[in-house]
């Protein structure tokens, strides 16, 4: 198993929340195909993105904890260029600009926040809720290599694959990150039963990706599910693969992925209840160091989580 010198492996860090749902529902800005990278196309979009991140950076500064800057590139791999009306080169330029924006924020907040990590966010090739046609790991490696290469050249310090639905694609991302010489975190999403959308148990998925990649991933996470959906699965994974799960980015809503997909109004859940569930999770699994949010969450949720889970 490869050793990675990432600060979030030894100390607690915050990250942001549900970027896309915050931008769409709280700020009233349309994101075609849920692609936040399109914000980089306009001055208004860049300003909204900068304002969004500043709230979380200020929170981390006030709490004196590390922060992981996650780029707005979740839906920015090459297959999404045509639906977004872009050439692949134009999309790659926006991906690079997303990393550059994060680098400027990192420079601005250095000295105010103990550690800042610039993470290049990779999303699934297809839908974040439905695995659809599952690629072979080698195909996924080749597919994701382009976006990962662009982000590395722009200056990212690690890769985070968010909302992974299946093992072969997750393994392919790990392989592509390894080829690029970057640490990588894999974040699986689970259904209400705590299993991946493919039906595979979370613990088995982690073990399988590690076996296929010689344990190269720095750590694993769970995202885009309510804590009630993954608490038992995290416990099972801890029993089977040790402390490989080091972060969570939970949904505010208890709804299933199918229900969330059909919603026209935001379900923000209860921020304080969500924070309390995180406190209970950390008490059971103290190795979980990365805390943020996913769909339906915003700065209020992450602030509540920080208040419940961080000392000082």
C-alpha atoms as a PDB file:
ATOM      1  CA  UNK A   1       0.000   0.000   0.000  1.00  0.00           C
ATOM      2  CA  UNK A   2       1.394   3.375  -1.041  1.00  0.00           C
ATOM      3  CA  UNK A   3       2.095   6.011   1.615  1.00  0.00           C
ATOM      4  CA  UNK A   4       0.862   9.525   0.809  1.00  0.00           C
ATOM      5  CA  UNK A   5       1.913  12.672   2.664  1.00  0.00           C
ATOM      6  CA  UNK A   6      -1.480  14.394   2.668  1.00  0.00           C
ATOM      7  CA  UNK A   7      -2.286  16.521   5.739  1.00  0.00           C
ATOM      8  CA  UNK A   8      -5.868  15.228   5.936  1.00  0.00           C
ATOM      9  CA  UNK A   9      -4.506  11.775   6.760  1.00  0.00           C
ATOM     10  CA  UNK A  10      -3.171  13.049  10.073  1.00  0.00           C
ATOM     11  CA  UNK A  11      -5.456  15.937  11.003  1.00  0.00           C
ATOM     12  CA  UNK A  12      -9.072  16.958  10.549  1.00  0.00           C
ATOM     13  CA  UNK A  13      -9.939  19.154   7.562  1.00  0.00           C
ATOM     14  CA  UNK A  14     -13.072  20.787   6.267  1.00  0.00           C
ATOM     15  CA  UNK A  15     -14.142  21.000   2.663  1.00  0.00           C
ATOM     16  CA  UNK A  16     -17.103  22.639   0.943  1.00  0.00           C
ATOM     17  CA  UNK A  17     -20.731  21.553   0.546  1.00  0.00           C
ATOM     18  CA  UNK A  18     -23.172  20.865  -2.273  1.00  0.00           C
ATOM     19  CA  UNK A  19     -21.729  23.326  -4.781  1.00  0.00           C
ATOM     20  CA  UNK A  20     -24.155  22.644  -7.593  1.00  0.00           C
ATOM     21  CA  UNK A  21     -27.343  22.610  -5.499  1.00  0.00           C
ATOM     22  CA  UNK A  22     -26.211  25.755  -3.661  1.00  0.00           C
ATOM     23  CA  UNK A  23     -25.533  27.590  -6.925  1.00  0.00           C
ATOM     24  CA  UNK A  24     -28.808  26.510  -8.533  1.00  0.00           C
ATOM     25  CA  UNK A  25     -31.279  26.685  -5.650  1.00  0.00           C
ATOM     26  CA  UNK A  26     -29.749  29.234  -3.266  1.00  0.00           C
ATOM     27  CA  UNK A  27     -28.116  31.599  -5.766  1.00  0.00           C
ATOM     28  CA  UNK A  28     -30.499  31.204  -8.701  1.00  0.00           C
ATOM     29  CA  UNK A  29     -27.836  30.507 -11.339  1.00  0.00           C
ATOM     30  CA  UNK A  30     -28.555  27.847 -13.933  1.00  0.00           C
ATOM     31  CA  UNK A  31     -25.998  25.079 -14.375  1.00  0.00           C
ATOM     32  CA  UNK A  32     -26.588  23.142 -17.591  1.00  0.00           C
ATOM     33  CA  UNK A  33     -26.232  19.419 -16.963  1.00  0.00           C
ATOM     34  CA  UNK A  34     -25.244  20.222 -13.362  1.00  0.00           C
ATOM     35  CA  UNK A  35     -21.849  21.342 -14.699  1.00  0.00           C
ATOM     36  CA  UNK A  36     -20.422  23.932 -12.308  1.00  0.00           C
ATOM     37  CA  UNK A  37     -17.382  24.317 -14.556  1.00  0.00           C
ATOM     38  CA  UNK A  38     -19.589  26.485 -16.797  1.00  0.00           C
ATOM     39  CA  UNK A  39     -19.401  29.187 -14.124  1.00  0.00           C
ATOM     40  CA  UNK A  40     -15.885  29.893 -15.390  1.00  0.00           C
ATOM     41  CA  UNK A  41     -17.370  31.182 -18.663  1.00  0.00           C
ATOM     42  CA  UNK A  42     -18.535  34.504 -17.237  1.00  0.00           C
ATOM     43  CA  UNK A  43     -17.438  37.169 -14.772  1.00  0.00           C
ATOM     44  CA  UNK A  44     -20.718  36.694 -12.889  1.00  0.00           C
ATOM     45  CA  UNK A  45     -20.109  32.970 -12.621  1.00  0.00           C
ATOM     46  CA  UNK A  46     -16.521  33.363 -11.463  1.00  0.00           C
ATOM     47  CA  UNK A  47     -17.654  35.875  -8.841  1.00  0.00           C
ATOM     48  CA  UNK A  48     -20.373  33.502  -7.577  1.00  0.00           C
ATOM     49  CA  UNK A  49     -17.888  30.641  -7.374  1.00  0.00           C
ATOM     50  CA  UNK A  50     -15.326  32.771  -5.546  1.00  0.00           C
ATOM     51  CA  UNK A  51     -17.957  34.012  -3.098  1.00  0.00           C
ATOM     52  CA  UNK A  52     -19.111  30.439  -2.494  1.00  0.00           C
ATOM     53  CA  UNK A  53     -15.619  29.251  -1.562  1.00  0.00           C
ATOM     54  CA  UNK A  54     -14.792  32.269   0.581  1.00  0.00           C
ATOM     55  CA  UNK A  55     -17.523  31.348   3.046  1.00  0.00           C
ATOM     56  CA  UNK A  56     -15.986  27.939   3.703  1.00  0.00           C
ATOM     57  CA  UNK A  57     -12.438  29.299   3.764  1.00  0.00           C
ATOM     58  CA  UNK A  58     -13.456  31.883   6.349  1.00  0.00           C
ATOM     59  CA  UNK A  59     -15.037  29.105   8.414  1.00  0.00           C
ATOM     60  CA  UNK A  60     -11.834  27.046   8.301  1.00  0.00           C
ATOM     61  CA  UNK A  61      -9.806  30.115   9.252  1.00  0.00           C
ATOM     62  CA  UNK A  62     -12.062  30.794  12.229  1.00  0.00           C
ATOM     63  CA  UNK A  63     -11.786  27.170  13.360  1.00  0.00           C
ATOM     64  CA  UNK A  64      -8.051  27.040  12.654  1.00  0.00           C
ATOM     65  CA  UNK A  65      -8.400  23.750  10.783  1.00  0.00           C
ATOM     66  CA  UNK A  66      -7.183  22.640   7.382  1.00  0.00           C
ATOM     67  CA  UNK A  67      -9.271  23.000   4.253  1.00  0.00           C
ATOM     68  CA  UNK A  68      -9.458  21.041   0.996  1.00  0.00           C
ATOM     69  CA  UNK A  69     -10.209  23.281  -1.968  1.00  0.00           C
ATOM     70  CA  UNK A  70     -12.209  21.087  -4.357  1.00  0.00           C
ATOM     71  CA  UNK A  71     -12.346  22.350  -7.927  1.00  0.00           C
ATOM     72  CA  UNK A  72     -15.614  22.958  -9.777  1.00  0.00           C
ATOM     73  CA  UNK A  73     -14.858  20.197 -12.267  1.00  0.00           C
ATOM     74  CA  UNK A  74     -17.105  17.306 -11.184  1.00  0.00           C
ATOM     75  CA  UNK A  75     -18.896  17.272 -14.534  1.00  0.00           C
ATOM     76  CA  UNK A  76     -16.060  18.285 -16.819  1.00  0.00           C
ATOM     77  CA  UNK A  77     -14.689  15.155 -18.454  1.00  0.00           C
ATOM     78  CA  UNK A  78     -14.577  14.978 -22.242  1.00  0.00           C
ATOM     79  CA  UNK A  79     -17.957  13.304 -22.860  1.00  0.00           C
ATOM     80  CA  UNK A  80     -19.673  16.389 -21.423  1.00  0.00           C
ATOM     81  CA  UNK A  81     -18.125  18.820 -23.901  1.00  0.00           C
ATOM     82  CA  UNK A  82     -20.691  18.269 -26.666  1.00  0.00           C
ATOM     83  CA  UNK A  83     -23.807  18.480 -24.427  1.00  0.00           C
ATOM     84  CA  UNK A  84     -22.399  21.726 -23.001  1.00  0.00           C
ATOM     85  CA  UNK A  85     -21.842  23.137 -26.483  1.00  0.00           C
ATOM     86  CA  UNK A  86     -18.057  23.155 -26.081  1.00  0.00           C
ATOM     87  CA  UNK A  87     -15.140  21.644 -27.897  1.00  0.00           C
ATOM     88  CA  UNK A  88     -12.924  19.367 -25.843  1.00  0.00           C
ATOM     89  CA  UNK A  89     -10.207  22.030 -25.922  1.00  0.00           C
ATOM     90  CA  UNK A  90     -12.635  24.662 -24.635  1.00  0.00           C
ATOM     91  CA  UNK A  91     -13.742  22.372 -21.820  1.00  0.00           C
ATOM     92  CA  UNK A  92     -10.124  21.616 -20.920  1.00  0.00           C
ATOM     93  CA  UNK A  93      -9.426  25.352 -20.757  1.00  0.00           C
ATOM     94  CA  UNK A  94     -12.288  25.807 -18.277  1.00  0.00           C
ATOM     95  CA  UNK A  95     -10.948  22.908 -16.193  1.00  0.00           C
ATOM     96  CA  UNK A  96      -7.552  24.592 -16.087  1.00  0.00           C
ATOM     97  CA  UNK A  97      -9.162  27.907 -15.121  1.00  0.00           C
ATOM     98  CA  UNK A  98     -11.027  26.177 -12.288  1.00  0.00           C
ATOM     99  CA  UNK A  99      -7.727  25.002 -10.821  1.00  0.00           C
ATOM    100  CA  UNK A 100      -6.163  28.426 -11.313  1.00  0.00           C
ATOM    101  CA  UNK A 101      -9.024  30.069  -9.419  1.00  0.00           C
ATOM    102  CA  UNK A 102      -8.482  27.647  -6.544  1.00  0.00           C
ATOM    103  CA  UNK A 103      -4.741  28.390  -6.572  1.00  0.00           C
ATOM    104  CA  UNK A 104      -5.445  32.121  -6.223  1.00  0.00           C
ATOM    105  CA  UNK A 105      -7.701  31.457  -3.253  1.00  0.00           C
ATOM    106  CA  UNK A 106      -5.077  29.194  -1.706  1.00  0.00           C
ATOM    107  CA  UNK A 107      -2.466  31.934  -1.986  1.00  0.00           C
ATOM    108  CA  UNK A 108      -4.869  34.461  -0.475  1.00  0.00           C
ATOM    109  CA  UNK A 109      -5.683  32.320   2.565  1.00  0.00           C
ATOM    110  CA  UNK A 110      -2.239  30.874   3.256  1.00  0.00           C
ATOM    111  CA  UNK A 111      -1.221  31.941   6.742  1.00  0.00           C
ATOM    112  CA  UNK A 112      -4.863  32.152   7.841  1.00  0.00           C
ATOM    113  CA  UNK A 113      -5.566  28.411   7.522  1.00  0.00           C
ATOM    114  CA  UNK A 114      -3.114  25.786   8.869  1.00  0.00           C
ATOM    115  CA  UNK A 115      -3.078  23.666   5.702  1.00  0.00           C
ATOM    116  CA  UNK A 116      -4.705  24.111   2.315  1.00  0.00           C
ATOM    117  CA  UNK A 117      -4.879  21.298  -0.237  1.00  0.00           C
ATOM    118  CA  UNK A 118      -5.742  21.983  -3.869  1.00  0.00           C
ATOM    119  CA  UNK A 119      -7.810  19.022  -5.087  1.00  0.00           C
ATOM    120  CA  UNK A 120      -8.870  18.350  -8.653  1.00  0.00           C
ATOM    121  CA  UNK A 121     -12.399  16.962  -8.656  1.00  0.00           C
ATOM    122  CA  UNK A 122     -13.284  14.157 -11.072  1.00  0.00           C
ATOM    123  CA  UNK A 123     -16.832  12.938 -11.513  1.00  0.00           C
ATOM    124  CA  UNK A 124     -18.212   9.780 -13.094  1.00  0.00           C
ATOM    125  CA  UNK A 125     -18.242   9.531 -16.868  1.00  0.00           C
ATOM    126  CA  UNK A 126     -22.012   9.102 -16.819  1.00  0.00           C
ATOM    127  CA  UNK A 127     -24.714   9.754 -14.244  1.00  0.00           C
ATOM    128  CA  UNK A 128     -23.764  10.192 -10.608  1.00  0.00           C
ATOM    129  CA  UNK A 129     -26.693   8.087  -9.442  1.00  0.00           C
ATOM    130  CA  UNK A 130     -26.817   5.362 -12.085  1.00  0.00           C
ATOM    131  CA  UNK A 131     -23.754   3.317 -13.111  1.00  0.00           C
ATOM    132  CA  UNK A 132     -25.221   2.791 -16.579  1.00  0.00           C
ATOM    133  CA  UNK A 133     -22.778   1.054 -18.926  1.00  0.00           C
ATOM    134  CA  UNK A 134     -19.838   0.097 -16.710  1.00  0.00           C
ATOM    135  CA  UNK A 135     -16.418   0.525 -18.336  1.00  0.00           C
ATOM    136  CA  UNK A 136     -13.488  -1.800 -17.892  1.00  0.00           C
ATOM    137  CA  UNK A 137     -10.878  -0.341 -15.550  1.00  0.00           C
ATOM    138  CA  UNK A 138      -8.417   0.106 -18.423  1.00  0.00           C
ATOM    139  CA  UNK A 139     -10.981   2.093 -20.421  1.00  0.00           C
ATOM    140  CA  UNK A 140     -11.752   4.262 -17.404  1.00  0.00           C
ATOM    141  CA  UNK A 141      -8.022   4.836 -16.925  1.00  0.00           C
ATOM    142  CA  UNK A 142      -7.670   6.094 -20.492  1.00  0.00           C
ATOM    143  CA  UNK A 143     -10.868   8.160 -20.354  1.00  0.00           C
ATOM    144  CA  UNK A 144     -10.087  10.037 -17.137  1.00  0.00           C
ATOM    145  CA  UNK A 145      -6.382  10.522 -17.928  1.00  0.00           C
ATOM    146  CA  UNK A 146      -7.088  13.609 -20.046  1.00  0.00           C
ATOM    147  CA  UNK A 147      -8.917  15.593 -17.359  1.00  0.00           C
ATOM    148  CA  UNK A 148      -6.459  14.490 -14.674  1.00  0.00           C
ATOM    149  CA  UNK A 149      -3.544  15.533 -16.870  1.00  0.00           C
ATOM    150  CA  UNK A 150      -5.094  18.964 -17.440  1.00  0.00           C
ATOM    151  CA  UNK A 151      -5.602  19.480 -13.715  1.00  0.00           C
ATOM    152  CA  UNK A 152      -2.063  18.397 -12.888  1.00  0.00           C
ATOM    153  CA  UNK A 153      -0.602  20.831 -15.410  1.00  0.00           C
ATOM    154  CA  UNK A 154      -2.735  23.594 -13.873  1.00  0.00           C
ATOM    155  CA  UNK A 155      -1.273  22.886 -10.425  1.00  0.00           C
ATOM    156  CA  UNK A 156      -3.609  20.606  -8.475  1.00  0.00           C
ATOM    157  CA  UNK A 157      -2.018  18.644  -5.623  1.00  0.00           C
ATOM    158  CA  UNK A 158      -4.314  15.635  -5.549  1.00  0.00           C
ATOM    159  CA  UNK A 159      -7.312  14.096  -7.307  1.00  0.00           C
ATOM    160  CA  UNK A 160     -10.669  13.402  -5.682  1.00  0.00           C
ATOM    161  CA  UNK A 161     -13.089  11.178  -7.598  1.00  0.00           C
ATOM    162  CA  UNK A 162     -16.510  12.103  -6.252  1.00  0.00           C
ATOM    163  CA  UNK A 163     -19.763  10.094  -6.513  1.00  0.00           C
ATOM    164  CA  UNK A 164     -18.213   6.955  -7.940  1.00  0.00           C
ATOM    165  CA  UNK A 165     -20.894   4.362  -8.630  1.00  0.00           C
ATOM    166  CA  UNK A 166     -18.870   1.287  -9.545  1.00  0.00           C
ATOM    167  CA  UNK A 167     -15.526  -0.407  -8.940  1.00  0.00           C
ATOM    168  CA  UNK A 168     -14.018  -0.539 -12.468  1.00  0.00           C
ATOM    169  CA  UNK A 169     -14.376   3.208 -13.019  1.00  0.00           C
ATOM    170  CA  UNK A 170     -13.016   3.971  -9.551  1.00  0.00           C
ATOM    171  CA  UNK A 171     -10.038   1.688 -10.177  1.00  0.00           C
ATOM    172  CA  UNK A 172      -9.436   3.353 -13.539  1.00  0.00           C
ATOM    173  CA  UNK A 173      -9.340   6.798 -11.914  1.00  0.00           C
ATOM    174  CA  UNK A 174      -6.820   5.517  -9.359  1.00  0.00           C
ATOM    175  CA  UNK A 175      -4.660   4.136 -12.180  1.00  0.00           C
ATOM    176  CA  UNK A 176      -4.818   7.421 -14.107  1.00  0.00           C
ATOM    177  CA  UNK A 177      -3.890   9.418 -11.008  1.00  0.00           C
ATOM    178  CA  UNK A 178      -1.003   7.055 -10.329  1.00  0.00           C
ATOM    179  CA  UNK A 179       0.194   7.494 -13.927  1.00  0.00           C
ATOM    180  CA  UNK A 180       0.109  11.270 -13.355  1.00  0.00           C
ATOM    181  CA  UNK A 181       2.002  10.967 -10.070  1.00  0.00           C
ATOM    182  CA  UNK A 182      -0.823  12.452  -7.985  1.00  0.00           C
ATOM    183  CA  UNK A 183      -2.393  11.192  -4.737  1.00  0.00           C
ATOM    184  CA  UNK A 184      -6.047  10.260  -5.163  1.00  0.00           C
ATOM    185  CA  UNK A 185      -9.104   9.847  -2.960  1.00  0.00           C
ATOM    186  CA  UNK A 186     -12.081   7.779  -4.100  1.00  0.00           C
ATOM    187  CA  UNK A 187     -15.526   8.713  -2.839  1.00  0.00           C
ATOM    188  CA  UNK A 188     -18.268   6.165  -3.450  1.00  0.00           C
ATOM    189  CA  UNK A 189     -21.949   6.976  -3.345  1.00  0.00           C
ATOM    190  CA  UNK A 190     -24.420   4.531  -1.847  1.00  0.00           C
ATOM    191  CA  UNK A 191     -28.146   3.923  -2.016  1.00  0.00           C
ATOM    192  CA  UNK A 192     -30.484   3.916   0.987  1.00  0.00           C
ATOM    193  CA  UNK A 193     -29.359   0.352   1.782  1.00  0.00           C
ATOM    194  CA  UNK A 194     -25.716   1.414   2.108  1.00  0.00           C
ATOM    195  CA  UNK A 195     -24.656  -0.407  -1.069  1.00  0.00           C
ATOM    196  CA  UNK A 196     -23.236   1.067  -4.250  1.00  0.00           C
ATOM    197  CA  UNK A 197     -25.740   1.650  -7.090  1.00  0.00           C
ATOM    198  CA  UNK A 198     -24.403  -1.604  -8.564  1.00  0.00           C
ATOM    199  CA  UNK A 199     -25.589  -3.418  -5.421  1.00  0.00           C
ATOM    200  CA  UNK A 200     -22.057  -4.096  -4.174  1.00  0.00           C
ATOM    201  CA  UNK A 201     -21.309  -3.636  -0.463  1.00  0.00           C
ATOM    202  CA  UNK A 202     -19.097  -0.632   0.277  1.00  0.00           C
ATOM    203  CA  UNK A 203     -16.447  -2.704   2.067  1.00  0.00           C
ATOM    204  CA  UNK A 204     -16.163  -5.079  -0.889  1.00  0.00           C
ATOM    205  CA  UNK A 205     -15.843  -2.184  -3.338  1.00  0.00           C
ATOM    206  CA  UNK A 206     -12.974  -0.636  -1.383  1.00  0.00           C
ATOM    207  CA  UNK A 207     -11.182  -3.967  -1.074  1.00  0.00           C
ATOM    208  CA  UNK A 208     -11.598  -4.624  -4.801  1.00  0.00           C
ATOM    209  CA  UNK A 209     -10.233  -1.238  -5.873  1.00  0.00           C
ATOM    210  CA  UNK A 210      -7.277  -1.652  -3.520  1.00  0.00           C
ATOM    211  CA  UNK A 211      -6.588  -5.122  -4.906  1.00  0.00           C
ATOM    212  CA  UNK A 212      -6.675  -3.838  -8.500  1.00  0.00           C
ATOM    213  CA  UNK A 213      -4.379  -0.873  -7.819  1.00  0.00           C
ATOM    214  CA  UNK A 214      -1.962  -2.162  -5.162  1.00  0.00           C
ATOM    215  CA  UNK A 215      -3.659   0.051  -2.594  1.00  0.00           C
ATOM    216  CA  UNK A 216      -2.556   3.247  -4.336  1.00  0.00           C
ATOM    217  CA  UNK A 217      -5.563   5.355  -3.274  1.00  0.00           C
ATOM    218  CA  UNK A 218      -4.656   7.635  -0.374  1.00  0.00           C
ATOM    219  CA  UNK A 219      -8.072   7.092   1.201  1.00  0.00           C
ATOM    220  CA  UNK A 220     -11.754   6.573   0.519  1.00  0.00           C
ATOM    221  CA  UNK A 221     -14.848   8.631   1.235  1.00  0.00           C
ATOM    222  CA  UNK A 222     -18.632   8.351   1.064  1.00  0.00           C
ATOM    223  CA  UNK A 223     -20.743  11.094  -0.488  1.00  0.00           C
ATOM    224  CA  UNK A 224     -24.184  11.934  -1.855  1.00  0.00           C
ATOM    225  CA  UNK A 225     -26.118   9.937   0.743  1.00  0.00           C
ATOM    226  CA  UNK A 226     -27.630  10.727   4.130  1.00  0.00           C
ATOM    227  CA  UNK A 227     -25.741   9.406   7.190  1.00  0.00           C
ATOM    228  CA  UNK A 228     -28.678   7.124   7.973  1.00  0.00           C
ATOM    229  CA  UNK A 229     -27.949   5.397   4.666  1.00  0.00           C
ATOM    230  CA  UNK A 230     -24.246   4.738   5.230  1.00  0.00           C
ATOM    231  CA  UNK A 231     -23.586   4.511   8.983  1.00  0.00           C
ATOM    232  CA  UNK A 232     -23.851   0.720   9.032  1.00  0.00           C
ATOM    233  CA  UNK A 233     -21.865   0.390   5.797  1.00  0.00           C
ATOM    234  CA  UNK A 234     -19.009   2.479   7.215  1.00  0.00           C
ATOM    235  CA  UNK A 235     -18.953   0.251  10.288  1.00  0.00           C
ATOM    236  CA  UNK A 236     -18.825  -2.867   8.129  1.00  0.00           C
ATOM    237  CA  UNK A 237     -16.059  -1.359   6.010  1.00  0.00           C
ATOM    238  CA  UNK A 238     -14.022  -0.485   9.090  1.00  0.00           C
ATOM    239  CA  UNK A 239     -14.264  -4.076  10.218  1.00  0.00           C
ATOM    240  CA  UNK A 240     -13.154  -5.399   6.826  1.00  0.00           C
ATOM    241  CA  UNK A 241     -10.721  -2.865   5.355  1.00  0.00           C
ATOM    242  CA  UNK A 242      -9.576  -0.966   8.422  1.00  0.00           C
ATOM    243  CA  UNK A 243      -9.336   2.814   8.390  1.00  0.00           C
ATOM    244  CA  UNK A 244      -9.513   3.300   4.630  1.00  0.00           C
ATOM    245  CA  UNK A 245     -12.596   5.566   4.877  1.00  0.00           C
ATOM    246  CA  UNK A 246     -11.287   8.961   5.918  1.00  0.00           C
ATOM    247  CA  UNK A 247     -14.006  11.373   4.830  1.00  0.00           C
ATOM    248  CA  UNK A 248     -17.729  11.946   4.338  1.00  0.00           C
ATOM    249  CA  UNK A 249     -19.693  14.435   2.276  1.00  0.00           C
ATOM    250  CA  UNK A 250     -23.286  13.684   3.179  1.00  0.00           C
ATOM    251  CA  UNK A 251     -26.588  14.788   1.698  1.00  0.00           C
ATOM    252  CA  UNK A 252     -28.933  16.831   3.843  1.00  0.00           C
ATOM    253  CA  UNK A 253     -31.936  14.850   2.611  1.00  0.00           C
ATOM    254  CA  UNK A 254     -32.951  11.308   3.500  1.00  0.00           C
ATOM    255  CA  UNK A 255     -34.461  10.872   0.031  1.00  0.00           C
ATOM    256  CA  UNK A 256     -33.217   8.187  -2.319  1.00  0.00           C
ATOM    257  CA  UNK A 257     -31.249   9.090  -5.423  1.00  0.00           C
ATOM    258  CA  UNK A 258     -34.330   8.467  -7.566  1.00  0.00           C
ATOM    259  CA  UNK A 259     -36.399  10.818  -5.395  1.00  0.00           C
ATOM    260  CA  UNK A 260     -33.692  13.492  -5.448  1.00  0.00           C
ATOM    261  CA  UNK A 261     -33.439  13.249  -9.224  1.00  0.00           C
ATOM    262  CA  UNK A 262     -37.143  14.033  -9.569  1.00  0.00           C
ATOM    263  CA  UNK A 263     -37.197  16.987  -7.154  1.00  0.00           C
ATOM    264  CA  UNK A 264     -37.902  20.523  -8.310  1.00  0.00           C
ATOM    265  CA  UNK A 265     -37.366  22.072  -4.854  1.00  0.00           C
ATOM    266  CA  UNK A 266     -34.359  21.744  -2.578  1.00  0.00           C
ATOM    267  CA  UNK A 267     -34.564  19.498   0.477  1.00  0.00           C
ATOM    268  CA  UNK A 268     -32.141  21.099   2.966  1.00  0.00           C
ATOM    269  CA  UNK A 269     -33.010  18.670   5.746  1.00  0.00           C
ATOM    270  CA  UNK A 270     -32.129  19.757   9.288  1.00  0.00           C
ATOM    271  CA  UNK A 271     -28.589  21.196   9.560  1.00  0.00           C
ATOM    272  CA  UNK A 272     -28.320  20.627  13.301  1.00  0.00           C
ATOM    273  CA  UNK A 273     -29.567  17.049  13.089  1.00  0.00           C
ATOM    274  CA  UNK A 274     -27.076  16.415  10.303  1.00  0.00           C
ATOM    275  CA  UNK A 275     -24.299  17.853  12.473  1.00  0.00           C
ATOM    276  CA  UNK A 276     -25.285  15.646  15.399  1.00  0.00           C
ATOM    277  CA  UNK A 277     -25.183  12.577  13.170  1.00  0.00           C
ATOM    278  CA  UNK A 278     -21.679  13.553  12.089  1.00  0.00           C
ATOM    279  CA  UNK A 279     -20.623  13.910  15.727  1.00  0.00           C
ATOM    280  CA  UNK A 280     -21.885  10.387  16.408  1.00  0.00           C
ATOM    281  CA  UNK A 281     -20.102   9.086  13.302  1.00  0.00           C
ATOM    282  CA  UNK A 282     -16.795  10.657  14.349  1.00  0.00           C
ATOM    283  CA  UNK A 283     -17.150   9.201  17.849  1.00  0.00           C
ATOM    284  CA  UNK A 284     -17.453   5.724  16.343  1.00  0.00           C
ATOM    285  CA  UNK A 285     -14.860   6.249  13.599  1.00  0.00           C
ATOM    286  CA  UNK A 286     -12.322   8.867  14.735  1.00  0.00           C
ATOM    287  CA  UNK A 287     -10.116   8.246  11.693  1.00  0.00           C
ATOM    288  CA  UNK A 288     -12.656  10.149   9.553  1.00  0.00           C
ATOM    289  CA  UNK A 289     -10.901  13.469   9.046  1.00  0.00           C
ATOM    290  CA  UNK A 290     -12.477  15.099   5.972  1.00  0.00           C
ATOM    291  CA  UNK A 291     -15.837  16.737   6.659  1.00  0.00           C
ATOM    292  CA  UNK A 292     -18.019  18.552   4.147  1.00  0.00           C
ATOM    293  CA  UNK A 293     -21.366  18.244   2.452  1.00  0.00           C
ATOM    294  CA  UNK A 294     -23.051  17.172  -0.760  1.00  0.00           C
ATOM    295  CA  UNK A 295     -26.476  17.699  -2.357  1.00  0.00           C
ATOM    296  CA  UNK A 296     -28.731  20.071  -0.449  1.00  0.00           C
ATOM    297  CA  UNK A 297     -26.023  21.270   1.933  1.00  0.00           C
ATOM    298  CA  UNK A 298     -24.490  24.723   2.117  1.00  0.00           C
ATOM    299  CA  UNK A 299     -22.363  26.814   4.458  1.00  0.00           C
ATOM    300  CA  UNK A 300     -24.936  26.568   7.256  1.00  0.00           C
ATOM    301  CA  UNK A 301     -24.702  22.770   7.268  1.00  0.00           C
ATOM    302  CA  UNK A 302     -20.909  22.660   7.200  1.00  0.00           C
ATOM    303  CA  UNK A 303     -20.744  25.306   9.927  1.00  0.00           C
ATOM    304  CA  UNK A 304     -23.013  23.176  12.115  1.00  0.00           C
ATOM    305  CA  UNK A 305     -20.887  20.101  11.383  1.00  0.00           C
ATOM    306  CA  UNK A 306     -17.730  22.027  12.294  1.00  0.00           C
ATOM    307  CA  UNK A 307     -19.274  23.226  15.552  1.00  0.00           C
ATOM    308  CA  UNK A 308     -20.305  19.688  16.443  1.00  0.00           C
ATOM    309  CA  UNK A 309     -17.132  17.856  15.419  1.00  0.00           C
ATOM    310  CA  UNK A 310     -14.200  20.228  15.863  1.00  0.00           C
ATOM    311  CA  UNK A 311     -12.601  21.472  19.037  1.00  0.00           C
ATOM    312  CA  UNK A 312     -11.015  24.836  19.553  1.00  0.00           C
END
